[in-house]
Amino acid sequence: MNYLAHLYFAKPTADSHFGNLLGDFGGRRHVNGLPITVKNALENHYLVDRFTDAHLLVKEAKHFFSPQRKRFASVAIDVVFDHFLIQHWHRFNDQPLADFKHQSYGLLNTRQALMPSRMQQVVTSMTNNDWFKEYETVAGVGLALDNIARRIRFSNNFSGAAEDITRHYHELDAVFLAFFPELVEHVKIHNLER
């Protein structure tokens, strides 16, 4: 899952928001001296990722991406699932998305000093530029994915993934709607941040 989904699964605390994103920025390499609340949130991040990566529906969704992009299909799925979470937000959260984003950005910013430098840069850009606004449209998702493609350190054919998403939009949406409630239940059952 991508950033918005990880924040969705965080508790409404700064430590939880920090830990639930830390997994994308070196994770366990940076936990020395951090509170148990951050460590538990990091474990929640890994729980979400393991469940997502192993889920049959998510594996099958990779087939919606063209052969030249299949190697990075899991990255595209992570980002487009944030798009679908935004589209269906009212099904999964009673708090308006604008309020949730405002709260989440504020909580993340209170932990900036504890974050690894790359995470500080990303969180600063995310909160100052409201990245999740970009994820509201397929064009915005495509732009985010093209930016990821440019940062990959070797030659790749990942750019243009929005074409595959547009072509299979309804199928990917259906996968998300079948998969995400199962993920919600999985996180609830394990309750790693009790």
N, C-alpha and C. Protein backbone atom coordinates (compact mmCIF):
# COMPACT_ATOMS: atom_id res chain seq x y z
N MET A 1 0.84 -1.18 0.00
CA MET A 1 0.00 0.00 0.00
C MET A 1 0.89 1.25 0.00
N ASN A 2 0.30 2.35 -0.39
CA ASN A 2 1.05 3.59 -0.48
C ASN A 2 0.77 4.48 0.73
N TYR A 3 1.28 5.70 0.71
CA TYR A 3 1.29 6.56 1.89
C TYR A 3 -0.09 6.80 2.50
N LEU A 4 -1.09 7.13 1.69
CA LEU A 4 -2.40 7.43 2.25
C LEU A 4 -2.98 6.22 2.98
N ALA A 5 -2.86 5.06 2.38
CA ALA A 5 -3.39 3.86 3.02
C ALA A 5 -2.67 3.58 4.34
N HIS A 6 -1.36 3.76 4.37
CA HIS A 6 -0.64 3.53 5.63
C HIS A 6 -1.09 4.54 6.70
N LEU A 7 -1.34 5.76 6.31
CA LEU A 7 -1.84 6.74 7.28
C LEU A 7 -3.27 6.41 7.70
N TYR A 8 -4.06 5.88 6.78
CA TYR A 8 -5.42 5.45 7.12
C TYR A 8 -5.39 4.44 8.26
N PHE A 9 -4.42 3.54 8.25
CA PHE A 9 -4.33 2.50 9.27
C PHE A 9 -3.65 2.96 10.55
N ALA A 10 -3.14 4.19 10.57
CA ALA A 10 -2.50 4.73 11.78
C ALA A 10 -3.55 5.15 12.80
N LYS A 11 -3.15 5.11 14.05
CA LYS A 11 -3.97 5.69 15.12
C LYS A 11 -3.83 7.21 15.03
N PRO A 12 -4.74 7.96 15.63
CA PRO A 12 -4.67 9.43 15.55
C PRO A 12 -3.65 10.03 16.51
N THR A 13 -2.41 9.52 16.42
CA THR A 13 -1.32 10.04 17.23
C THR A 13 -0.11 10.30 16.34
N ALA A 14 0.78 11.16 16.79
CA ALA A 14 1.98 11.47 16.01
C ALA A 14 2.89 10.25 15.89
N ASP A 15 3.07 9.51 16.98
CA ASP A 15 3.94 8.32 16.92
C ASP A 15 3.41 7.29 15.94
N SER A 16 2.11 7.09 15.94
CA SER A 16 1.52 6.11 15.03
C SER A 16 1.67 6.54 13.58
N HIS A 17 1.43 7.80 13.29
CA HIS A 17 1.60 8.28 11.92
C HIS A 17 3.05 8.14 11.47
N PHE A 18 3.96 8.51 12.33
CA PHE A 18 5.39 8.39 12.03
C PHE A 18 5.74 6.93 11.75
N GLY A 19 5.39 6.04 12.65
CA GLY A 19 5.74 4.63 12.51
C GLY A 19 5.10 3.97 11.31
N ASN A 20 3.86 4.33 11.03
CA ASN A 20 3.17 3.71 9.90
C ASN A 20 3.72 4.13 8.55
N LEU A 21 4.47 5.23 8.49
CA LEU A 21 5.16 5.61 7.25
C LEU A 21 6.63 5.20 7.24
N LEU A 22 7.20 5.01 8.41
CA LEU A 22 8.64 4.76 8.52
C LEU A 22 9.07 3.52 7.72
N GLY A 23 8.18 2.57 7.55
CA GLY A 23 8.52 1.36 6.81
C GLY A 23 8.95 1.61 5.38
N ASP A 24 8.56 2.73 4.82
CA ASP A 24 8.99 3.06 3.45
C ASP A 24 10.30 3.84 3.41
N PHE A 25 10.91 4.03 4.58
CA PHE A 25 12.13 4.85 4.66
C PHE A 25 13.20 4.19 5.54
N GLY A 26 13.38 2.90 5.35
CA GLY A 26 14.44 2.21 6.08
C GLY A 26 13.96 1.48 7.30
N GLY A 27 12.76 1.77 7.75
CA GLY A 27 12.11 1.01 8.81
C GLY A 27 12.97 0.68 10.01
N ARG A 28 13.20 -0.60 10.20
CA ARG A 28 13.86 -1.10 11.41
C ARG A 28 15.29 -0.58 11.58
N ARG A 29 15.91 -0.10 10.51
CA ARG A 29 17.26 0.48 10.64
C ARG A 29 17.26 1.74 11.50
N HIS A 30 16.08 2.34 11.68
CA HIS A 30 16.00 3.63 12.36
C HIS A 30 15.25 3.61 13.68
N VAL A 31 15.02 2.42 14.25
CA VAL A 31 14.16 2.36 15.44
C VAL A 31 14.91 2.50 16.77
N ASN A 32 16.23 2.43 16.75
CA ASN A 32 16.96 2.54 18.03
C ASN A 32 16.61 3.85 18.72
N GLY A 33 16.19 3.73 19.97
CA GLY A 33 15.87 4.90 20.76
C GLY A 33 14.47 5.44 20.55
N LEU A 34 13.72 4.86 19.62
CA LEU A 34 12.35 5.34 19.40
C LEU A 34 11.38 4.65 20.35
N PRO A 35 10.30 5.31 20.71
CA PRO A 35 9.32 4.72 21.64
C PRO A 35 8.66 3.48 21.07
N ILE A 36 8.16 2.63 21.96
CA ILE A 36 7.48 1.40 21.55
C ILE A 36 6.27 1.71 20.69
N THR A 37 5.65 2.86 20.91
CA THR A 37 4.48 3.22 20.10
C THR A 37 4.85 3.39 18.63
N VAL A 38 6.03 3.93 18.36
CA VAL A 38 6.51 4.05 16.98
C VAL A 38 6.85 2.67 16.42
N LYS A 39 7.51 1.85 17.23
CA LYS A 39 7.88 0.50 16.78
C LYS A 39 6.64 -0.34 16.46
N ASN A 40 5.61 -0.24 17.30
CA ASN A 40 4.38 -0.99 17.03
C ASN A 40 3.72 -0.51 15.74
N ALA A 41 3.76 0.79 15.51
CA ALA A 41 3.19 1.35 14.28
C ALA A 41 3.98 0.88 13.06
N LEU A 42 5.30 0.78 13.20
CA LEU A 42 6.13 0.25 12.12
C LEU A 42 5.75 -1.20 11.81
N GLU A 43 5.54 -1.98 12.85
CA GLU A 43 5.12 -3.37 12.64
C GLU A 43 3.76 -3.42 11.94
N ASN A 44 2.90 -2.46 12.23
CA ASN A 44 1.60 -2.38 11.56
C ASN A 44 1.81 -2.11 10.06
N HIS A 45 2.76 -1.24 9.75
CA HIS A 45 3.12 -0.98 8.35
C HIS A 45 3.50 -2.28 7.65
N TYR A 46 4.36 -3.05 8.28
CA TYR A 46 4.81 -4.30 7.67
C TYR A 46 3.67 -5.31 7.55
N LEU A 47 2.78 -5.34 8.53
CA LEU A 47 1.61 -6.22 8.48
C LEU A 47 0.76 -5.90 7.25
N VAL A 48 0.52 -4.61 7.02
CA VAL A 48 -0.26 -4.17 5.86
C VAL A 48 0.43 -4.58 4.57
N ASP A 49 1.73 -4.34 4.48
CA ASP A 49 2.47 -4.66 3.25
C ASP A 49 2.49 -6.17 2.98
N ARG A 50 2.72 -6.96 4.02
CA ARG A 50 2.77 -8.43 3.82
C ARG A 50 1.43 -8.95 3.32
N PHE A 51 0.35 -8.49 3.95
CA PHE A 51 -0.98 -8.95 3.56
C PHE A 51 -1.28 -8.54 2.12
N THR A 52 -0.95 -7.31 1.79
CA THR A 52 -1.21 -6.80 0.44
C THR A 52 -0.41 -7.58 -0.60
N ASP A 53 0.88 -7.73 -0.37
CA ASP A 53 1.76 -8.38 -1.35
C ASP A 53 1.39 -9.85 -1.58
N ALA A 54 0.85 -10.50 -0.55
CA ALA A 54 0.53 -11.93 -0.66
C ALA A 54 -0.89 -12.18 -1.15
N HIS A 55 -1.71 -11.16 -1.22
CA HIS A 55 -3.13 -11.36 -1.54
C HIS A 55 -3.32 -11.74 -3.01
N LEU A 56 -4.12 -12.75 -3.24
CA LEU A 56 -4.33 -13.27 -4.59
C LEU A 56 -4.91 -12.21 -5.53
N LEU A 57 -5.86 -11.41 -5.05
CA LEU A 57 -6.46 -10.37 -5.90
C LEU A 57 -5.42 -9.35 -6.35
N VAL A 58 -4.52 -8.99 -5.44
CA VAL A 58 -3.48 -8.02 -5.78
C VAL A 58 -2.50 -8.63 -6.78
N LYS A 59 -2.14 -9.89 -6.56
CA LYS A 59 -1.25 -10.56 -7.52
C LYS A 59 -1.89 -10.62 -8.91
N GLU A 60 -3.18 -10.94 -8.94
CA GLU A 60 -3.87 -11.03 -10.23
C GLU A 60 -4.00 -9.66 -10.90
N ALA A 61 -4.10 -8.60 -10.10
CA ALA A 61 -4.24 -7.24 -10.66
C ALA A 61 -3.00 -6.83 -11.46
N LYS A 62 -1.88 -7.46 -11.21
CA LYS A 62 -0.66 -7.14 -11.97
C LYS A 62 -0.84 -7.45 -13.45
N HIS A 63 -1.76 -8.34 -13.77
CA HIS A 63 -1.98 -8.71 -15.17
C HIS A 63 -2.67 -7.60 -15.96
N PHE A 64 -3.15 -6.58 -15.27
CA PHE A 64 -3.77 -5.45 -15.97
C PHE A 64 -2.73 -4.48 -16.52
N PHE A 65 -1.46 -4.75 -16.24
CA PHE A 65 -0.40 -3.87 -16.70
C PHE A 65 0.35 -4.52 -17.86
N SER A 66 0.72 -3.69 -18.81
CA SER A 66 1.37 -4.18 -20.02
C SER A 66 2.70 -4.86 -19.68
N PRO A 67 3.17 -5.76 -20.55
CA PRO A 67 4.39 -6.53 -20.26
C PRO A 67 5.58 -5.65 -19.90
N GLN A 68 5.74 -4.50 -20.57
CA GLN A 68 6.91 -3.67 -20.27
C GLN A 68 6.82 -3.00 -18.90
N ARG A 69 5.62 -2.94 -18.33
CA ARG A 69 5.45 -2.30 -17.00
C ARG A 69 5.21 -3.31 -15.89
N LYS A 70 5.10 -4.57 -16.23
CA LYS A 70 4.72 -5.57 -15.23
C LYS A 70 5.72 -5.65 -14.08
N ARG A 71 6.98 -5.41 -14.37
CA ARG A 71 7.99 -5.49 -13.31
C ARG A 71 7.69 -4.52 -12.17
N PHE A 72 7.07 -3.38 -12.49
CA PHE A 72 6.77 -2.36 -11.49
C PHE A 72 5.26 -2.25 -11.20
N ALA A 73 4.53 -3.28 -11.59
CA ALA A 73 3.08 -3.25 -11.42
C ALA A 73 2.68 -3.09 -9.95
N SER A 74 3.43 -3.69 -9.06
CA SER A 74 3.07 -3.58 -7.63
C SER A 74 3.17 -2.13 -7.15
N VAL A 75 4.12 -1.37 -7.68
CA VAL A 75 4.25 0.05 -7.33
C VAL A 75 3.03 0.81 -7.84
N ALA A 76 2.65 0.53 -9.09
CA ALA A 76 1.48 1.20 -9.67
C ALA A 76 0.22 0.86 -8.90
N ILE A 77 0.09 -0.39 -8.50
CA ILE A 77 -1.09 -0.81 -7.74
C ILE A 77 -1.14 -0.09 -6.39
N ASP A 78 -0.01 0.02 -5.72
CA ASP A 78 0.03 0.75 -4.44
C ASP A 78 -0.51 2.17 -4.60
N VAL A 79 -0.06 2.85 -5.63
CA VAL A 79 -0.45 4.25 -5.81
C VAL A 79 -1.90 4.35 -6.27
N VAL A 80 -2.31 3.50 -7.20
CA VAL A 80 -3.70 3.59 -7.67
C VAL A 80 -4.68 3.16 -6.56
N PHE A 81 -4.24 2.31 -5.64
CA PHE A 81 -5.12 1.98 -4.52
C PHE A 81 -5.34 3.20 -3.61
N ASP A 82 -4.34 4.07 -3.49
CA ASP A 82 -4.57 5.33 -2.77
C ASP A 82 -5.64 6.15 -3.50
N HIS A 83 -5.61 6.14 -4.82
CA HIS A 83 -6.63 6.84 -5.62
C HIS A 83 -8.02 6.28 -5.31
N PHE A 84 -8.12 4.96 -5.30
CA PHE A 84 -9.43 4.35 -5.04
C PHE A 84 -9.87 4.56 -3.59
N LEU A 85 -8.92 4.59 -2.68
CA LEU A 85 -9.28 4.90 -1.29
C LEU A 85 -9.88 6.30 -1.21
N ILE A 86 -9.32 7.23 -1.94
CA ILE A 86 -9.89 8.59 -1.99
C ILE A 86 -11.28 8.56 -2.61
N GLN A 87 -11.43 7.84 -3.72
CA GLN A 87 -12.72 7.79 -4.40
C GLN A 87 -13.82 7.19 -3.53
N HIS A 88 -13.45 6.25 -2.67
CA HIS A 88 -14.43 5.54 -1.84
C HIS A 88 -14.26 5.86 -0.35
N TRP A 89 -13.63 6.98 -0.07
CA TRP A 89 -13.30 7.34 1.31
C TRP A 89 -14.50 7.23 2.25
N HIS A 90 -15.66 7.72 1.81
CA HIS A 90 -16.84 7.72 2.67
C HIS A 90 -17.28 6.32 3.08
N ARG A 91 -16.88 5.30 2.35
CA ARG A 91 -17.22 3.91 2.72
C ARG A 91 -16.38 3.41 3.89
N PHE A 92 -15.18 3.98 4.03
CA PHE A 92 -14.22 3.43 4.98
C PHE A 92 -13.90 4.34 6.16
N ASN A 93 -14.33 5.60 6.10
CA ASN A 93 -13.99 6.53 7.17
C ASN A 93 -15.09 7.60 7.27
N ASP A 94 -15.56 7.82 8.50
CA ASP A 94 -16.59 8.84 8.72
C ASP A 94 -16.03 10.25 8.70
N GLN A 95 -14.74 10.38 8.99
CA GLN A 95 -14.11 11.70 9.00
C GLN A 95 -13.92 12.18 7.56
N PRO A 96 -14.32 13.41 7.24
CA PRO A 96 -14.09 13.91 5.87
C PRO A 96 -12.60 13.83 5.52
N LEU A 97 -12.32 13.52 4.26
CA LEU A 97 -10.93 13.35 3.83
C LEU A 97 -10.11 14.61 4.07
N ALA A 98 -10.68 15.79 3.82
CA ALA A 98 -9.93 17.03 4.02
C ALA A 98 -9.50 17.17 5.48
N ASP A 99 -10.38 16.82 6.41
CA ASP A 99 -10.05 16.88 7.84
C ASP A 99 -8.99 15.85 8.19
N PHE A 100 -9.13 14.65 7.63
CA PHE A 100 -8.15 13.59 7.89
C PHE A 100 -6.76 14.02 7.42
N LYS A 101 -6.69 14.56 6.20
CA LYS A 101 -5.39 14.99 5.67
C LYS A 101 -4.78 16.08 6.56
N HIS A 102 -5.58 17.06 6.93
CA HIS A 102 -5.09 18.15 7.76
C HIS A 102 -4.53 17.61 9.08
N GLN A 103 -5.27 16.70 9.70
CA GLN A 103 -4.83 16.11 10.96
C GLN A 103 -3.55 15.29 10.76
N SER A 104 -3.53 14.45 9.72
CA SER A 104 -2.38 13.59 9.47
C SER A 104 -1.12 14.40 9.18
N TYR A 105 -1.25 15.42 8.34
CA TYR A 105 -0.10 16.26 8.03
C TYR A 105 0.45 16.92 9.29
N GLY A 106 -0.45 17.41 10.13
CA GLY A 106 -0.02 18.04 11.38
C GLY A 106 0.70 17.06 12.30
N LEU A 107 0.16 15.85 12.43
CA LEU A 107 0.79 14.83 13.29
C LEU A 107 2.17 14.44 12.75
N LEU A 108 2.29 14.26 11.45
CA LEU A 108 3.59 13.92 10.87
C LEU A 108 4.60 15.03 11.12
N ASN A 109 4.18 16.26 10.96
CA ASN A 109 5.12 17.37 11.12
C ASN A 109 5.66 17.49 12.54
N THR A 110 4.91 17.00 13.53
CA THR A 110 5.42 17.08 14.91
C THR A 110 6.54 16.07 15.16
N ARG A 111 6.73 15.11 14.26
CA ARG A 111 7.79 14.11 14.44
C ARG A 111 8.93 14.26 13.43
N GLN A 112 8.95 15.36 12.71
CA GLN A 112 9.98 15.58 11.68
C GLN A 112 11.40 15.38 12.21
N ALA A 113 11.67 15.87 13.40
CA ALA A 113 13.03 15.82 13.94
C ALA A 113 13.52 14.38 14.15
N LEU A 114 12.61 13.43 14.31
CA LEU A 114 12.98 12.04 14.56
C LEU A 114 13.12 11.23 13.26
N MET A 115 12.68 11.80 12.15
CA MET A 115 12.63 11.05 10.90
C MET A 115 14.00 10.99 10.22
N PRO A 116 14.27 9.88 9.51
CA PRO A 116 15.46 9.84 8.65
C PRO A 116 15.37 10.98 7.63
N SER A 117 16.52 11.44 7.14
CA SER A 117 16.53 12.65 6.30
C SER A 117 15.67 12.51 5.05
N ARG A 118 15.69 11.36 4.39
CA ARG A 118 14.86 11.17 3.18
C ARG A 118 13.37 11.27 3.53
N MET A 119 13.00 10.71 4.66
CA MET A 119 11.60 10.77 5.10
C MET A 119 11.22 12.22 5.41
N GLN A 120 12.12 12.98 6.03
CA GLN A 120 11.86 14.40 6.29
C GLN A 120 11.56 15.13 4.99
N GLN A 121 12.37 14.88 3.97
CA GLN A 121 12.18 15.54 2.68
C GLN A 121 10.82 15.19 2.07
N VAL A 122 10.48 13.90 2.09
CA VAL A 122 9.22 13.45 1.50
C VAL A 122 8.03 14.00 2.27
N VAL A 123 8.09 13.91 3.60
CA VAL A 123 6.97 14.39 4.42
C VAL A 123 6.80 15.90 4.26
N THR A 124 7.89 16.62 4.19
CA THR A 124 7.80 18.07 3.97
C THR A 124 7.10 18.36 2.64
N SER A 125 7.53 17.68 1.60
CA SER A 125 6.91 17.89 0.29
C SER A 125 5.45 17.43 0.29
N MET A 126 5.19 16.28 0.89
CA MET A 126 3.83 15.73 0.95
C MET A 126 2.87 16.69 1.65
N THR A 127 3.30 17.21 2.79
CA THR A 127 2.41 18.06 3.58
C THR A 127 2.30 19.47 3.01
N ASN A 128 3.39 20.00 2.47
CA ASN A 128 3.34 21.35 1.89
C ASN A 128 2.58 21.39 0.57
N ASN A 129 2.65 20.29 -0.19
CA ASN A 129 2.06 20.27 -1.53
C ASN A 129 0.81 19.41 -1.63
N ASP A 130 0.36 18.85 -0.51
CA ASP A 130 -0.85 18.00 -0.46
C ASP A 130 -0.83 16.97 -1.59
N TRP A 131 0.11 16.04 -1.49
CA TRP A 131 0.25 15.01 -2.51
C TRP A 131 -1.06 14.26 -2.75
N PHE A 132 -1.84 14.07 -1.71
CA PHE A 132 -3.04 13.25 -1.87
C PHE A 132 -4.09 13.93 -2.74
N LYS A 133 -4.01 15.24 -2.88
CA LYS A 133 -4.87 15.95 -3.82
C LYS A 133 -4.57 15.46 -5.24
N GLU A 134 -3.28 15.24 -5.50
CA GLU A 134 -2.85 14.75 -6.81
C GLU A 134 -3.44 13.37 -7.12
N TYR A 135 -3.59 12.55 -6.07
CA TYR A 135 -4.06 11.18 -6.26
C TYR A 135 -5.56 11.10 -6.55
N GLU A 136 -6.26 12.23 -6.54
CA GLU A 136 -7.70 12.21 -6.79
C GLU A 136 -8.03 11.86 -8.24
N THR A 137 -7.11 12.10 -9.16
CA THR A 137 -7.35 11.85 -10.58
C THR A 137 -6.36 10.83 -11.12
N VAL A 138 -6.76 10.16 -12.19
CA VAL A 138 -5.85 9.22 -12.84
C VAL A 138 -4.65 9.97 -13.42
N ALA A 139 -4.89 11.17 -13.93
CA ALA A 139 -3.78 11.97 -14.45
C ALA A 139 -2.77 12.26 -13.33
N GLY A 140 -3.25 12.58 -12.15
CA GLY A 140 -2.37 12.83 -11.02
C GLY A 140 -1.61 11.58 -10.60
N VAL A 141 -2.30 10.45 -10.60
CA VAL A 141 -1.65 9.17 -10.30
C VAL A 141 -0.57 8.90 -11.34
N GLY A 142 -0.89 9.15 -12.61
CA GLY A 142 0.09 8.94 -13.68
C GLY A 142 1.31 9.81 -13.51
N LEU A 143 1.10 11.07 -13.12
CA LEU A 143 2.22 11.97 -12.87
C LEU A 143 3.09 11.46 -11.73
N ALA A 144 2.46 11.00 -10.65
CA ALA A 144 3.21 10.46 -9.51
C ALA A 144 4.02 9.23 -9.94
N LEU A 145 3.41 8.36 -10.74
CA LEU A 145 4.11 7.15 -11.19
C LEU A 145 5.24 7.49 -12.16
N ASP A 146 5.04 8.47 -13.02
CA ASP A 146 6.11 8.89 -13.92
C ASP A 146 7.28 9.48 -13.13
N ASN A 147 6.99 10.19 -12.06
CA ASN A 147 8.05 10.71 -11.19
C ASN A 147 8.83 9.57 -10.54
N ILE A 148 8.12 8.53 -10.12
CA ILE A 148 8.78 7.35 -9.55
C ILE A 148 9.67 6.71 -10.61
N ALA A 149 9.16 6.59 -11.83
CA ALA A 149 9.93 5.97 -12.93
C ALA A 149 11.24 6.73 -13.16
N ARG A 150 11.19 8.04 -13.08
CA ARG A 150 12.41 8.85 -13.29
C ARG A 150 13.44 8.64 -12.17
N ARG A 151 12.95 8.31 -10.96
CA ARG A 151 13.88 8.12 -9.84
C ARG A 151 14.50 6.72 -9.80
N ILE A 152 13.97 5.79 -10.58
CA ILE A 152 14.56 4.45 -10.63
C ILE A 152 15.94 4.56 -11.26
N ARG A 153 16.90 3.92 -10.64
CA ARG A 153 18.31 4.16 -10.99
C ARG A 153 18.78 3.44 -12.23
N PHE A 154 17.90 2.73 -12.89
CA PHE A 154 18.30 2.05 -14.11
C PHE A 154 17.23 2.29 -15.17
N SER A 155 17.58 2.05 -16.40
CA SER A 155 16.66 2.25 -17.51
C SER A 155 15.43 1.37 -17.34
N ASN A 156 14.24 1.94 -17.57
CA ASN A 156 13.00 1.18 -17.38
C ASN A 156 11.93 1.71 -18.32
N ASN A 157 10.87 0.94 -18.44
CA ASN A 157 9.73 1.31 -19.29
C ASN A 157 8.48 1.54 -18.45
N PHE A 158 8.67 2.02 -17.23
CA PHE A 158 7.56 2.15 -16.29
C PHE A 158 6.70 3.38 -16.58
N SER A 159 7.27 4.42 -17.17
CA SER A 159 6.49 5.63 -17.40
C SER A 159 5.31 5.32 -18.32
N GLY A 160 4.26 6.11 -18.15
CA GLY A 160 3.04 5.90 -18.94
C GLY A 160 2.09 4.90 -18.33
N ALA A 161 2.31 4.52 -17.06
CA ALA A 161 1.46 3.51 -16.41
C ALA A 161 0.00 3.95 -16.35
N ALA A 162 -0.25 5.25 -16.44
CA ALA A 162 -1.64 5.73 -16.42
C ALA A 162 -2.44 5.17 -17.58
N GLU A 163 -1.77 4.83 -18.69
CA GLU A 163 -2.46 4.23 -19.83
C GLU A 163 -3.08 2.89 -19.43
N ASP A 164 -2.30 2.06 -18.72
CA ASP A 164 -2.81 0.76 -18.27
C ASP A 164 -3.93 0.95 -17.25
N ILE A 165 -3.75 1.93 -16.35
CA ILE A 165 -4.78 2.19 -15.34
C ILE A 165 -6.08 2.64 -15.99
N THR A 166 -5.97 3.53 -16.95
CA THR A 166 -7.17 4.01 -17.65
C THR A 166 -7.87 2.87 -18.39
N ARG A 167 -7.08 2.04 -19.04
CA ARG A 167 -7.64 0.92 -19.81
C ARG A 167 -8.38 -0.07 -18.91
N HIS A 168 -7.89 -0.26 -17.70
CA HIS A 168 -8.46 -1.28 -16.80
C HIS A 168 -9.00 -0.65 -15.51
N TYR A 169 -9.44 0.58 -15.62
CA TYR A 169 -9.85 1.34 -14.43
C TYR A 169 -10.93 0.61 -13.64
N HIS A 170 -11.98 0.16 -14.30
CA HIS A 170 -13.10 -0.46 -13.58
C HIS A 170 -12.71 -1.80 -12.96
N GLU A 171 -11.86 -2.54 -13.64
CA GLU A 171 -11.39 -3.81 -13.07
C GLU A 171 -10.52 -3.57 -11.84
N LEU A 172 -9.63 -2.58 -11.92
CA LEU A 172 -8.78 -2.25 -10.77
C LEU A 172 -9.62 -1.73 -9.60
N ASP A 173 -10.62 -0.93 -9.90
CA ASP A 173 -11.53 -0.43 -8.86
C ASP A 173 -12.23 -1.60 -8.18
N ALA A 174 -12.69 -2.57 -8.96
CA ALA A 174 -13.37 -3.74 -8.39
C ALA A 174 -12.42 -4.55 -7.50
N VAL A 175 -11.17 -4.68 -7.94
CA VAL A 175 -10.18 -5.38 -7.11
C VAL A 175 -10.01 -4.65 -5.78
N PHE A 176 -9.86 -3.33 -5.84
CA PHE A 176 -9.70 -2.56 -4.61
C PHE A 176 -10.88 -2.78 -3.67
N LEU A 177 -12.09 -2.69 -4.20
CA LEU A 177 -13.28 -2.80 -3.35
C LEU A 177 -13.46 -4.19 -2.76
N ALA A 178 -12.95 -5.21 -3.44
CA ALA A 178 -12.98 -6.56 -2.88
C ALA A 178 -11.86 -6.77 -1.87
N PHE A 179 -10.70 -6.20 -2.16
CA PHE A 179 -9.52 -6.42 -1.32
C PHE A 179 -9.50 -5.58 -0.05
N PHE A 180 -9.80 -4.28 -0.16
CA PHE A 180 -9.53 -3.38 0.96
C PHE A 180 -10.31 -3.73 2.23
N PRO A 181 -11.58 -4.12 2.15
CA PRO A 181 -12.26 -4.52 3.40
C PRO A 181 -11.58 -5.71 4.08
N GLU A 182 -11.00 -6.61 3.30
CA GLU A 182 -10.27 -7.73 3.90
C GLU A 182 -9.02 -7.23 4.63
N LEU A 183 -8.35 -6.25 4.04
CA LEU A 183 -7.17 -5.67 4.69
C LEU A 183 -7.57 -4.96 5.98
N VAL A 184 -8.65 -4.22 5.95
CA VAL A 184 -9.15 -3.53 7.15
C VAL A 184 -9.40 -4.55 8.26
N GLU A 185 -10.04 -5.63 7.92
CA GLU A 185 -10.34 -6.67 8.92
C GLU A 185 -9.06 -7.32 9.44
N HIS A 186 -8.11 -7.56 8.57
CA HIS A 186 -6.83 -8.17 8.95
C HIS A 186 -6.10 -7.28 9.97
N VAL A 187 -6.05 -5.99 9.70
CA VAL A 187 -5.39 -5.06 10.62
C VAL A 187 -6.13 -5.02 11.95
N LYS A 188 -7.45 -5.02 11.89
CA LYS A 188 -8.26 -4.97 13.11
C LYS A 188 -8.04 -6.21 13.98
N ILE A 189 -7.98 -7.38 13.34
CA ILE A 189 -7.79 -8.64 14.08
C ILE A 189 -6.44 -8.65 14.78
N HIS A 190 -5.39 -8.21 14.10
CA HIS A 190 -4.05 -8.25 14.68
C HIS A 190 -3.82 -7.14 15.70
N ASN A 191 -4.44 -6.00 15.49
CA ASN A 191 -4.44 -4.92 16.49
C ASN A 191 -3.06 -4.69 17.10
N LEU A 192 -2.06 -4.48 16.26
CA LEU A 192 -0.69 -4.35 16.73
C LEU A 192 -0.42 -3.06 17.51
N GLU A 193 -1.32 -2.09 17.40
CA GLU A 193 -1.12 -0.82 18.10
C GLU A 193 -2.10 -0.63 19.26
N ARG A 194 -2.53 -1.73 19.85
CA ARG A 194 -3.56 -1.62 20.90
C ARG A 194 -3.19 -0.69 22.01
